[in-house]
PDB file of N, CA and C in Angstrom:
ATOM      1  N   MET A   1      53.579 -37.298  64.642  1.00  0.00           N
ATOM      2  CA  MET A   1      54.159 -36.581  65.117  1.00  0.00           C
ATOM      3  C   MET A   1      53.876 -34.467  65.257  1.00  0.00           C
ATOM      4  N   VAL A   2      54.016 -34.078  66.234  1.00  0.00           N
ATOM      5  CA  VAL A   2      53.638 -32.839  66.311  1.00  0.00           C
ATOM      6  C   VAL A   2      54.576 -31.634  66.128  1.00  0.00           C
ATOM      7  N   ALA A   3      54.809 -31.039  65.120  1.00  0.00           N
ATOM      8  CA  ALA A   3      56.333 -30.003  64.690  1.00  0.00           C
ATOM      9  C   ALA A   3      55.946 -28.894  66.034  1.00  0.00           C
ATOM     10  N   THR A   4      56.843 -28.321  66.481  1.00  0.00           N
ATOM     11  CA  THR A   4      57.075 -27.397  67.105  1.00  0.00           C
ATOM     12  C   THR A   4      57.516 -26.362  66.862  1.00  0.00           C
ATOM     13  N   ALA A   5      56.778 -25.332  67.065  1.00  0.00           N
ATOM     14  CA  ALA A   5      56.991 -24.139  66.548  1.00  0.00           C
ATOM     15  C   ALA A   5      59.120 -23.626  66.904  1.00  0.00           C
ATOM     16  N   PRO A   6      59.549 -23.088  66.002  1.00  0.00           N
ATOM     17  CA  PRO A   6      61.062 -22.591  66.471  1.00  0.00           C
ATOM     18  C   PRO A   6      61.118 -22.099  67.547  1.00  0.00           C
ATOM     19  N   ALA A   7      62.189 -22.243  68.532  1.00  0.00           N
ATOM     20  CA  ALA A   7      62.152 -21.057  69.737  1.00  0.00           C
ATOM     21  C   ALA A   7      62.375 -19.796  69.147  1.00  0.00           C
ATOM     22  N   THR A   8      61.483 -18.827  70.146  1.00  0.00           N
ATOM     23  CA  THR A   8      61.638 -17.384  69.948  1.00  0.00           C
ATOM     24  C   THR A   8      62.876 -16.655  70.413  1.00  0.00           C
ATOM     25  N   LEU A   9      63.354 -15.801  70.250  1.00  0.00           N
ATOM     26  CA  LEU A   9      63.968 -15.197  70.995  1.00  0.00           C
ATOM     27  C   LEU A   9      64.095 -14.651  72.437  1.00  0.00           C
ATOM     28  N   ALA A  10      62.741 -14.193  72.851  1.00  0.00           N
ATOM     29  CA  ALA A  10      62.157 -14.076  73.889  1.00  0.00           C
ATOM     30  C   ALA A  10      62.193 -15.515  74.834  1.00  0.00           C
ATOM     31  N   SER A  11      61.426 -16.360  74.542  1.00  0.00           N
ATOM     32  CA  SER A  11      61.986 -18.040  74.868  1.00  0.00           C
ATOM     33  C   SER A  11      63.123 -17.997  74.996  1.00  0.00           C
ATOM     34  N   ARG A  12      63.719 -18.052  74.559  1.00  0.00           N
ATOM     35  CA  ARG A  12      65.588 -18.264  74.749  1.00  0.00           C
ATOM     36  C   ARG A  12      65.879 -17.296  75.661  1.00  0.00           C
ATOM     37  N   LEU A  13      66.000 -16.299  75.482  1.00  0.00           N
ATOM     38  CA  LEU A  13      66.040 -15.419  76.863  1.00  0.00           C
ATOM     39  C   LEU A  13      65.447 -16.239  77.972  1.00  0.00           C
ATOM     40  N   GLU A  14      64.625 -16.356  78.491  1.00  0.00           N
ATOM     41  CA  GLU A  14      63.654 -16.926  79.258  1.00  0.00           C
ATOM     42  C   GLU A  14      64.288 -18.182  80.109  1.00  0.00           C
ATOM     43  N   GLU A  15      64.786 -19.061  79.037  1.00  0.00           N
ATOM     44  CA  GLU A  15      65.902 -20.633  79.171  1.00  0.00           C
ATOM     45  C   GLU A  15      67.343 -20.321  79.477  1.00  0.00           C
ATOM     46  N   ARG A  16      67.474 -19.200  79.215  1.00  0.00           N
ATOM     47  CA  ARG A  16      69.638 -18.849  79.295  1.00  0.00           C
ATOM     48  C   ARG A  16      69.381 -19.136  81.291  1.00  0.00           C
ATOM     49  N   PRO A  17      68.650 -18.830  82.346  1.00  0.00           N
ATOM     50  CA  PRO A  17      69.450 -18.913  83.864  1.00  0.00           C
ATOM     51  C   PRO A  17      69.064 -20.300  83.965  1.00  0.00           C
ATOM     52  N   CYS A  18      68.241 -20.821  83.238  1.00  0.00           N
ATOM     53  CA  CYS A  18      67.976 -22.411  83.540  1.00  0.00           C
ATOM     54  C   CYS A  18      69.156 -23.040  83.106  1.00  0.00           C
ATOM     55  N   PHE A  19      69.749 -22.693  81.891  1.00  0.00           N
ATOM     56  CA  PHE A  19      70.665 -23.304  80.660  1.00  0.00           C
ATOM     57  C   PHE A  19      72.086 -23.237  81.942  1.00  0.00           C
ATOM     58  N   ILE A  20      72.242 -22.408  82.486  1.00  0.00           N
ATOM     59  CA  ILE A  20      73.380 -21.212  83.305  1.00  0.00           C
ATOM     60  C   ILE A  20      73.366 -22.404  84.451  1.00  0.00           C
ATOM     61  N   GLU A  21      72.056 -22.280  85.310  1.00  0.00           N
ATOM     62  CA  GLU A  21      72.137 -23.046  86.715  1.00  0.00           C
ATOM     63  C   GLU A  21      72.546 -24.662  86.169  1.00  0.00           C
ATOM     64  N   ALA A  22      72.161 -25.254  84.671  1.00  0.00           N
ATOM     65  CA  ALA A  22      72.180 -26.903  84.750  1.00  0.00           C
ATOM     66  C   ALA A  22      73.569 -27.276  84.721  1.00  0.00           C
ATOM     67  N   GLY A  23      74.227 -25.866  84.192  1.00  0.00           N
ATOM     68  CA  GLY A  23      75.838 -25.921  83.454  1.00  0.00           C
ATOM     69  C   GLY A  23      76.628 -26.641  84.993  1.00  0.00           C
ATOM     70  N   GLY A  24      75.729 -25.593  86.086  1.00  0.00           N
ATOM     71  CA  GLY A  24      76.785 -25.696  87.537  1.00  0.00           C
ATOM     72  C   GLY A  24      76.495 -27.238  88.030  1.00  0.00           C
ATOM     73  N   ASN A  25      74.875 -27.746  87.842  1.00  0.00           N
ATOM     74  CA  ASN A  25      74.708 -28.560  88.465  1.00  0.00           C
ATOM     75  C   ASN A  25      75.238 -29.753  87.934  1.00  0.00           C
ATOM     76  N   THR A  26      75.672 -30.089  86.732  1.00  0.00           N
ATOM     77  CA  THR A  26      76.372 -30.697  85.929  1.00  0.00           C
ATOM     78  C   THR A  26      77.420 -31.009  85.845  1.00  0.00           C
ATOM     79  N   THR A  27      78.362 -29.872  86.555  1.00  0.00           N
ATOM     80  CA  THR A  27      79.656 -30.157  86.696  1.00  0.00           C
ATOM     81  C   THR A  27      80.108 -30.299  88.504  1.00  0.00           C
ATOM     82  N   HIS A  28      79.260 -29.881  89.091  1.00  0.00           N
ATOM     83  CA  HIS A  28      79.076 -30.372  90.018  1.00  0.00           C
ATOM     84  C   HIS A  28      79.237 -31.278  90.991  1.00  0.00           C
ATOM     85  N   PRO A  29      78.616 -32.541  90.699  1.00  0.00           N
ATOM     86  CA  PRO A  29      78.439 -34.077  91.182  1.00  0.00           C
ATOM     87  C   PRO A  29      80.510 -34.401  90.598  1.00  0.00           C
ATOM     88  N   PHE A  30      81.116 -34.226  89.339  1.00  0.00           N
ATOM     89  CA  PHE A  30      82.500 -34.733  89.574  1.00  0.00           C
ATOM     90  C   PHE A  30      83.451 -33.901  90.038  1.00  0.00           C
ATOM     91  N   GLY A  31      83.178 -33.040  91.393  1.00  0.00           N
ATOM     92  CA  GLY A  31      84.067 -32.081  91.654  1.00  0.00           C
ATOM     93  C   GLY A  31      84.534 -30.892  91.066  1.00  0.00           C
ATOM     94  N   LEU A  32      84.012 -30.501  90.271  1.00  0.00           N
ATOM     95  CA  LEU A  32      84.109 -29.420  89.263  1.00  0.00           C
ATOM     96  C   LEU A  32      83.611 -28.135  90.243  1.00  0.00           C
ATOM     97  N   GLY A  33      82.645 -27.991  90.496  1.00  0.00           N
ATOM     98  CA  GLY A  33      81.707 -26.732  91.749  1.00  0.00           C
ATOM     99  C   GLY A  33      80.777 -26.617  90.609  1.00  0.00           C
ATOM    100  N   HIS A  34      80.150 -25.773  90.860  1.00  0.00           N
ATOM    101  CA  HIS A  34      78.921 -25.128  90.770  1.00  0.00           C
ATOM    102  C   HIS A  34      79.641 -23.665  89.238  1.00  0.00           C
ATOM    103  N   ARG A  35      80.423 -23.159  90.030  1.00  0.00           N
ATOM    104  CA  ARG A  35      80.881 -21.698  89.283  1.00  0.00           C
ATOM    105  C   ARG A  35      81.363 -21.979  88.119  1.00  0.00           C
ATOM    106  N   ILE A  36      82.500 -23.298  88.108  1.00  0.00           N
ATOM    107  CA  ILE A  36      83.088 -23.590  86.402  1.00  0.00           C
ATOM    108  C   ILE A  36      82.039 -24.144  85.435  1.00  0.00           C
ATOM    109  N   GLY A  37      81.178 -25.351  85.947  1.00  0.00           N
ATOM    110  CA  GLY A  37      79.826 -24.909  85.022  1.00  0.00           C
ATOM    111  C   GLY A  37      78.962 -24.155  84.567  1.00  0.00           C
ATOM    112  N   ARG A  38      78.712 -22.857  85.566  1.00  0.00           N
ATOM    113  CA  ARG A  38      77.728 -21.746  85.258  1.00  0.00           C
ATOM    114  C   ARG A  38      78.717 -20.911  84.430  1.00  0.00           C
ATOM    115  N   SER A  39      79.808 -20.437  84.286  1.00  0.00           N
ATOM    116  CA  SER A  39      80.646 -20.179  83.755  1.00  0.00           C
ATOM    117  C   SER A  39      81.019 -20.456  82.507  1.00  0.00           C
ATOM    118  N   TYR A  40      81.052 -22.083  82.170  1.00  0.00           N
ATOM    119  CA  TYR A  40      81.185 -22.408  80.621  1.00  0.00           C
ATOM    120  C   TYR A  40      79.935 -22.784  79.815  1.00  0.00           C
ATOM    121  N   ALA A  41      78.884 -22.913  80.537  1.00  0.00           N
ATOM    122  CA  ALA A  41      77.287 -22.794  80.560  1.00  0.00           C
ATOM    123  C   ALA A  41      77.343 -21.075  79.525  1.00  0.00           C
ATOM    124  N   LEU A  42      77.371 -20.132  80.255  1.00  0.00           N
ATOM    125  CA  LEU A  42      77.430 -18.710  79.738  1.00  0.00           C
ATOM    126  C   LEU A  42      78.401 -18.681  78.783  1.00  0.00           C
ATOM    127  N   LEU A  43      79.649 -19.285  78.738  1.00  0.00           N
ATOM    128  CA  LEU A  43      80.459 -18.904  77.494  1.00  0.00           C
ATOM    129  C   LEU A  43      79.891 -19.539  76.334  1.00  0.00           C
ATOM    130  N   HIS A  44      79.535 -21.037  76.363  1.00  0.00           N
ATOM    131  CA  HIS A  44      78.862 -21.571  75.562  1.00  0.00           C
ATOM    132  C   HIS A  44      77.815 -21.243  74.728  1.00  0.00           C
ATOM    133  N   LEU A  45      76.765 -19.748  75.706  1.00  0.00           N
ATOM    134  CA  LEU A  45      75.322 -19.281  75.314  1.00  0.00           C
ATOM    135  C   LEU A  45      75.865 -18.271  74.402  1.00  0.00           C
ATOM    136  N   THR A  46      77.149 -17.586  74.700  1.00  0.00           N
ATOM    137  CA  THR A  46      77.751 -16.229  73.973  1.00  0.00           C
ATOM    138  C   THR A  46      78.244 -16.418  72.640  1.00  0.00           C
ATOM    139  N   PRO A  47      78.268 -15.921  72.018  1.00  0.00           N
ATOM    140  CA  PRO A  47      78.577 -16.231  70.521  1.00  0.00           C
ATOM    141  C   PRO A  47      80.015 -15.224  69.813  1.00  0.00           C
ATOM    142  N   ARG A  48      80.466 -14.838  70.998  1.00  0.00           N
ATOM    143  CA  ARG A  48      81.679 -14.043  70.944  1.00  0.00           C
ATOM    144  C   ARG A  48      82.609 -14.040  72.518  1.00  0.00           C
ATOM    145  N   PRO A  49      83.890 -14.065  72.814  1.00  0.00           N
ATOM    146  CA  PRO A  49      84.638 -13.926  73.469  1.00  0.00           C
ATOM    147  C   PRO A  49      83.967 -12.725  74.738  1.00  0.00           C
ATOM    148  N   LEU A  50      83.922 -12.864  75.962  1.00  0.00           N
ATOM    149  CA  LEU A  50      83.566 -11.964  77.041  1.00  0.00           C
ATOM    150  C   LEU A  50      84.767 -12.254  77.835  1.00  0.00           C
ATOM    151  N   SER A  51      84.399 -10.873  78.445  1.00  0.00           N
ATOM    152  CA  SER A  51      85.543  -9.900  79.337  1.00  0.00           C
ATOM    153  C   SER A  51      85.289 -10.566  80.717  1.00  0.00           C
ATOM    154  N   LEU A  52      86.424 -10.564  81.724  1.00  0.00           N
ATOM    155  CA  LEU A  52      86.231 -10.994  82.858  1.00  0.00           C
ATOM    156  C   LEU A  52      84.962 -10.002  83.525  1.00  0.00           C
ATOM    157  N   GLY A  53      84.899  -8.845  83.442  1.00  0.00           N
ATOM    158  CA  GLY A  53      84.071  -7.719  83.194  1.00  0.00           C
ATOM    159  C   GLY A  53      82.548  -8.158  83.248  1.00  0.00           C
ATOM    160  N   GLN A  54      82.783  -8.482  82.037  1.00  0.00           N
ATOM    161  CA  GLN A  54      81.217  -9.306  81.623  1.00  0.00           C
ATOM    162  C   GLN A  54      80.942 -10.334  82.255  1.00  0.00           C
ATOM    163  N   ILE A  55      81.613 -11.354  82.015  1.00  0.00           N
ATOM    164  CA  ILE A  55      80.922 -12.428  83.543  1.00  0.00           C
ATOM    165  C   ILE A  55      80.767 -12.086  84.702  1.00  0.00           C
ATOM    166  N   ALA A  56      81.665 -10.888  85.385  1.00  0.00           N
ATOM    167  CA  ALA A  56      81.555 -10.965  86.291  1.00  0.00           C
ATOM    168  C   ALA A  56      80.246  -9.751  86.494  1.00  0.00           C
ATOM    169  N   SER A  57      79.711  -9.491  85.945  1.00  0.00           N
ATOM    170  CA  SER A  57      78.296  -8.469  85.570  1.00  0.00           C
ATOM    171  C   SER A  57      76.951  -9.657  86.199  1.00  0.00           C
ATOM    172  N   GLU A  58      77.093 -10.893  85.965  1.00  0.00           N
ATOM    173  CA  GLU A  58      75.981 -11.702  85.760  1.00  0.00           C
ATOM    174  C   GLU A  58      75.560 -11.821  87.560  1.00  0.00           C
ATOM    175  N   PRO A  59      74.417 -12.083  87.498  1.00  0.00           N
ATOM    176  CA  PRO A  59      73.881 -12.171  88.853  1.00  0.00           C
ATOM    177  C   PRO A  59      74.619 -13.157  89.524  1.00  0.00           C
ATOM    178  N   GLY A  60      74.886 -12.684  90.971  1.00  0.00           N
ATOM    179  CA  GLY A  60      75.518 -13.537  91.972  1.00  0.00           C
ATOM    180  C   GLY A  60      77.119 -13.701  91.435  1.00  0.00           C
ATOM    181  N   VAL A  61      77.452 -13.078  90.750  1.00  0.00           N
ATOM    182  CA  VAL A  61      79.505 -13.697  90.154  1.00  0.00           C
ATOM    183  C   VAL A  61      79.752 -12.716  90.782  1.00  0.00           C
ATOM    184  N   ARG A  62      81.047 -12.785  91.222  1.00  0.00           N
ATOM    185  CA  ARG A  62      82.177 -11.165  91.569  1.00  0.00           C
ATOM    186  C   ARG A  62      82.937 -11.960  90.700  1.00  0.00           C
ATOM    187  N   LYS A  63      83.684 -10.400  90.844  1.00  0.00           N
ATOM    188  CA  LYS A  63      84.833 -10.467  89.908  1.00  0.00           C
ATOM    189  C   LYS A  63      86.338 -11.668  90.369  1.00  0.00           C
ATOM    190  N   ALA A  64      86.452 -11.252  91.611  1.00  0.00           N
ATOM    191  CA  ALA A  64      87.453 -12.489  92.362  1.00  0.00           C
ATOM    192  C   ALA A  64      86.996 -13.908  92.024  1.00  0.00           C
ATOM    193  N   SER A  65      85.898 -14.017  92.241  1.00  0.00           N
ATOM    194  CA  SER A  65      85.937 -15.445  91.873  1.00  0.00           C
ATOM    195  C   SER A  65      85.615 -16.147  90.447  1.00  0.00           C
ATOM    196  N   ALA A  66      85.102 -15.046  89.626  1.00  0.00           N
ATOM    197  CA  ALA A  66      85.189 -15.386  88.092  1.00  0.00           C
ATOM    198  C   ALA A  66      86.747 -15.283  87.681  1.00  0.00           C
ATOM    199  N   SER A  67      87.295 -14.655  88.151  1.00  0.00           N
ATOM    200  CA  SER A  67      88.475 -15.108  87.772  1.00  0.00           C
ATOM    201  C   SER A  67      89.438 -16.092  88.211  1.00  0.00           C
ATOM    202  N   VAL A  68      89.027 -16.756  89.428  1.00  0.00           N
ATOM    203  CA  VAL A  68      89.519 -17.506  89.781  1.00  0.00           C
ATOM    204  C   VAL A  68      88.845 -18.723  88.720  1.00  0.00           C
ATOM    205  N   THR A  69      87.573 -18.998  88.860  1.00  0.00           N
ATOM    206  CA  THR A  69      86.856 -20.029  87.716  1.00  0.00           C
ATOM    207  C   THR A  69      87.557 -20.498  86.382  1.00  0.00           C
ATOM    208  N   LEU A  70      87.479 -18.663  85.963  1.00  0.00           N
ATOM    209  CA  LEU A  70      88.089 -18.566  84.766  1.00  0.00           C
ATOM    210  C   LEU A  70      89.410 -19.059  84.667  1.00  0.00           C
ATOM    211  N   ARG A  71      90.063 -19.244  85.061  1.00  0.00           N
ATOM    212  CA  ARG A  71      91.574 -19.478  85.306  1.00  0.00           C
ATOM    213  C   ARG A  71      91.417 -21.017  84.800  1.00  0.00           C
ATOM    214  N   GLN A  72      90.800 -21.570  86.251  1.00  0.00           N
ATOM    215  CA  GLN A  72      90.417 -23.213  85.786  1.00  0.00           C
ATOM    216  C   GLN A  72      89.773 -23.962  84.771  1.00  0.00           C
ATOM    217  N   LEU A  73      89.487 -22.837  83.645  1.00  0.00           N
ATOM    218  CA  LEU A  73      88.159 -23.301  82.738  1.00  0.00           C
ATOM    219  C   LEU A  73      89.440 -23.144  81.871  1.00  0.00           C
ATOM    220  N   ALA A  74      90.828 -22.353  81.823  1.00  0.00           N
ATOM    221  CA  ALA A  74      91.996 -22.459  80.740  1.00  0.00           C
ATOM    222  C   ALA A  74      92.585 -23.337  81.258  1.00  0.00           C
ATOM    223  N   GLU A  75      92.893 -23.787  82.124  1.00  0.00           N
ATOM    224  CA  GLU A  75      93.771 -24.942  82.481  1.00  0.00           C
ATOM    225  C   GLU A  75      92.983 -26.309  82.565  1.00  0.00           C
ATOM    226  N   LEU A  76      92.166 -26.105  82.176  1.00  0.00           N
ATOM    227  CA  LEU A  76      91.392 -27.338  81.441  1.00  0.00           C
ATOM    228  C   LEU A  76      91.242 -27.635  80.098  1.00  0.00           C
ATOM    229  N   ARG A  77      91.713 -26.482  79.856  1.00  0.00           N
ATOM    230  CA  ARG A  77      91.428 -26.283  78.353  1.00  0.00           C
ATOM    231  C   ARG A  77      90.065 -25.934  77.515  1.00  0.00           C
ATOM    232  N   ALA A  78      89.076 -25.730  78.410  1.00  0.00           N
ATOM    233  CA  ALA A  78      87.601 -25.763  78.044  1.00  0.00           C
ATOM    234  C   ALA A  78      87.468 -23.950  77.609  1.00  0.00           C
ATOM    235  N   ALA A  79      88.367 -23.069  78.046  1.00  0.00           N
ATOM    236  CA  ALA A  79      88.200 -21.700  77.308  1.00  0.00           C
ATOM    237  C   ALA A  79      89.899 -21.384  77.048  1.00  0.00           C
ATOM    238  N   ARG A  80      90.353 -20.216  76.670  1.00  0.00           N
ATOM    239  CA  ARG A  80      91.490 -19.594  76.219  1.00  0.00           C
ATOM    240  C   ARG A  80      91.551 -18.130  76.259  1.00  0.00           C
ATOM    241  N   THR A  81      92.435 -17.649  77.286  1.00  0.00           N
ATOM    242  CA  THR A  81      92.859 -16.381  76.881  1.00  0.00           C
ATOM    243  C   THR A  81      92.965 -15.519  75.401  1.00  0.00           C
ATOM    244  N   LEU A  82      92.148 -14.227  75.142  1.00  0.00           N
ATOM    245  CA  LEU A  82      92.540 -14.006  73.832  1.00  0.00           C
ATOM    246  C   LEU A  82      93.321 -12.349  74.030  1.00  0.00           C
ATOM    247  N   HIS A  83      94.624 -12.465  73.146  1.00  0.00           N
ATOM    248  CA  HIS A  83      94.983 -11.201  73.260  1.00  0.00           C
ATOM    249  C   HIS A  83      95.605 -10.445  74.407  1.00  0.00           C
ATOM    250  N   GLN A  84      96.316 -11.345  75.211  1.00  0.00           N
ATOM    251  CA  GLN A  84      96.694 -11.246  76.278  1.00  0.00           C
ATOM    252  C   GLN A  84      96.317 -11.195  77.358  1.00  0.00           C
ATOM    253  N   ARG A  85      94.489 -10.525  77.358  1.00  0.00           N
ATOM    254  CA  ARG A  85      93.615 -10.401  78.268  1.00  0.00           C
ATOM    255  C   ARG A  85      92.921 -11.601  78.682  1.00  0.00           C
ATOM    256  N   LEU A  86      91.998 -11.006  79.280  1.00  0.00           N
ATOM    257  CA  LEU A  86      90.935 -12.117  80.531  1.00  0.00           C
ATOM    258  C   LEU A  86      90.169 -12.175  79.268  1.00  0.00           C
ATOM    259  N   ASP A  87      90.033 -12.419  77.868  1.00  0.00           N
ATOM    260  CA  ASP A  87      88.733 -12.435  77.285  1.00  0.00           C
ATOM    261  C   ASP A  87      88.801 -14.272  76.922  1.00  0.00           C
ATOM    262  N   LEU A  88      87.733 -14.641  77.015  1.00  0.00           N
ATOM    263  CA  LEU A  88      88.011 -15.734  77.244  1.00  0.00           C
ATOM    264  C   LEU A  88      86.839 -16.543  76.085  1.00  0.00           C
ATOM    265  N   LEU A  89      87.203 -17.619  75.233  1.00  0.00           N
ATOM    266  CA  LEU A  89      85.870 -17.924  74.206  1.00  0.00           C
ATOM    267  C   LEU A  89      85.999 -19.731  74.645  1.00  0.00           C
ATOM    268  N   LEU A  90      85.007 -20.171  74.274  1.00  0.00           N
ATOM    269  CA  LEU A  90      84.910 -21.490  74.827  1.00  0.00           C
ATOM    270  C   LEU A  90      85.094 -22.342  73.628  1.00  0.00           C
ATOM    271  N   VAL A  91      86.701 -23.478  74.216  1.00  0.00           N
ATOM    272  CA  VAL A  91      87.406 -23.779  72.997  1.00  0.00           C
ATOM    273  C   VAL A  91      86.878 -25.443  73.007  1.00  0.00           C
ATOM    274  N   SER A  92      86.347 -26.389  74.062  1.00  0.00           N
ATOM    275  CA  SER A  92      86.634 -27.567  74.237  1.00  0.00           C
ATOM    276  C   SER A  92      84.766 -27.994  74.846  1.00  0.00           C
ATOM    277  N   PRO A  93      84.577 -29.194  74.351  1.00  0.00           N
ATOM    278  CA  PRO A  93      83.080 -29.644  74.867  1.00  0.00           C
ATOM    279  C   PRO A  93      83.074 -30.298  76.304  1.00  0.00           C
ATOM    280  N   LEU A  94      81.865 -29.874  76.894  1.00  0.00           N
ATOM    281  CA  LEU A  94      82.238 -30.387  78.504  1.00  0.00           C
ATOM    282  C   LEU A  94      82.302 -31.403  78.533  1.00  0.00           C
ATOM    283  N   LEU A  95      82.201 -32.730  77.988  1.00  0.00           N
ATOM    284  CA  LEU A  95      82.549 -33.780  77.667  1.00  0.00           C
ATOM    285  C   LEU A  95      83.685 -34.587  77.887  1.00  0.00           C
ATOM    286  N   ALA A  96      84.871 -33.398  77.328  1.00  0.00           N
ATOM    287  CA  ALA A  96      86.451 -33.745  77.339  1.00  0.00           C
ATOM    288  C   ALA A  96      87.193 -33.245  78.862  1.00  0.00           C
ATOM    289  N   ILE A  97      85.854 -32.068  79.481  1.00  0.00           N
ATOM    290  CA  ILE A  97      86.615 -31.426  80.408  1.00  0.00           C
ATOM    291  C   ILE A  97      86.001 -32.382  81.649  1.00  0.00           C
ATOM    292  N   LEU A  98      84.892 -33.065  81.566  1.00  0.00           N
ATOM    293  CA  LEU A  98      84.451 -33.893  82.631  1.00  0.00           C
ATOM    294  C   LEU A  98      85.815 -34.865  82.643  1.00  0.00           C
ATOM    295  N   GLU A  99      85.679 -35.576  81.450  1.00  0.00           N
ATOM    296  CA  GLU A  99      86.866 -36.940  81.397  1.00  0.00           C
ATOM    297  C   GLU A  99      88.381 -36.387  81.822  1.00  0.00           C
ATOM    298  N   LYS A 100      88.594 -35.502  81.688  1.00  0.00           N
ATOM    299  CA  LYS A 100      89.988 -34.622  82.337  1.00  0.00           C
ATOM    300  C   LYS A 100      89.943 -34.750  83.722  1.00  0.00           C
ATOM    301  N   ALA A 101      88.603 -34.156  84.411  1.00  0.00           N
ATOM    302  CA  ALA A 101      88.443 -34.105  85.641  1.00  0.00           C
ATOM    303  C   ALA A 101      88.636 -35.219  86.340  1.00  0.00           C
ATOM    304  N   VAL A 102      88.015 -36.394  85.514  1.00  0.00           N
ATOM    305  CA  VAL A 102      87.458 -37.283  86.954  1.00  0.00           C
ATOM    306  C   VAL A 102      88.350 -38.454  86.377  1.00  0.00           C
ATOM    307  N   PRO A 103      88.783 -39.044  87.417  1.00  0.00           N
ATOM    308  CA  PRO A 103      90.180 -40.391  87.321  1.00  0.00           C
ATOM    309  C   PRO A 103      89.727 -40.825  87.039  1.00  0.00           C
ATOM    310  N   ARG A 104      90.323 -41.707  86.319  1.00  0.00           N
ATOM    311  CA  ARG A 104      89.688 -43.435  85.806  1.00  0.00           C
ATOM    312  C   ARG A 104      89.945 -44.357  86.722  1.00  0.00           C
ATOM    313  N   ARG A 105      88.975 -45.151  86.373  1.00  0.00           N
ATOM    314  CA  ARG A 105      89.090 -46.219  87.519  1.00  0.00           C
ATOM    315  C   ARG A 105      89.674 -47.610  86.543  1.00  0.00           C
TER     316      ARG A 105
END
């Protein structure tokens, strides 16, 4: 077995956009859409709560669509607001979200 070096900060920053895109690709087939997965992945990568403005500053994200998406995450209990503002904190694993969104057969 070959030991690999731990990921450097630079390599993690390079992988960040891929991880966020993968979040969107994961939720889309379950009918949740790309934005929910991308926003969830962004919250997952961030060690502290993010404001709506910070999330909307991501490339390709508008504040209005970010607001709707984050409210959907809150309804799924995947994120919650803090201090009666739209500061969001990741609180639920992705699997739990998908289980709520996909009806059982």
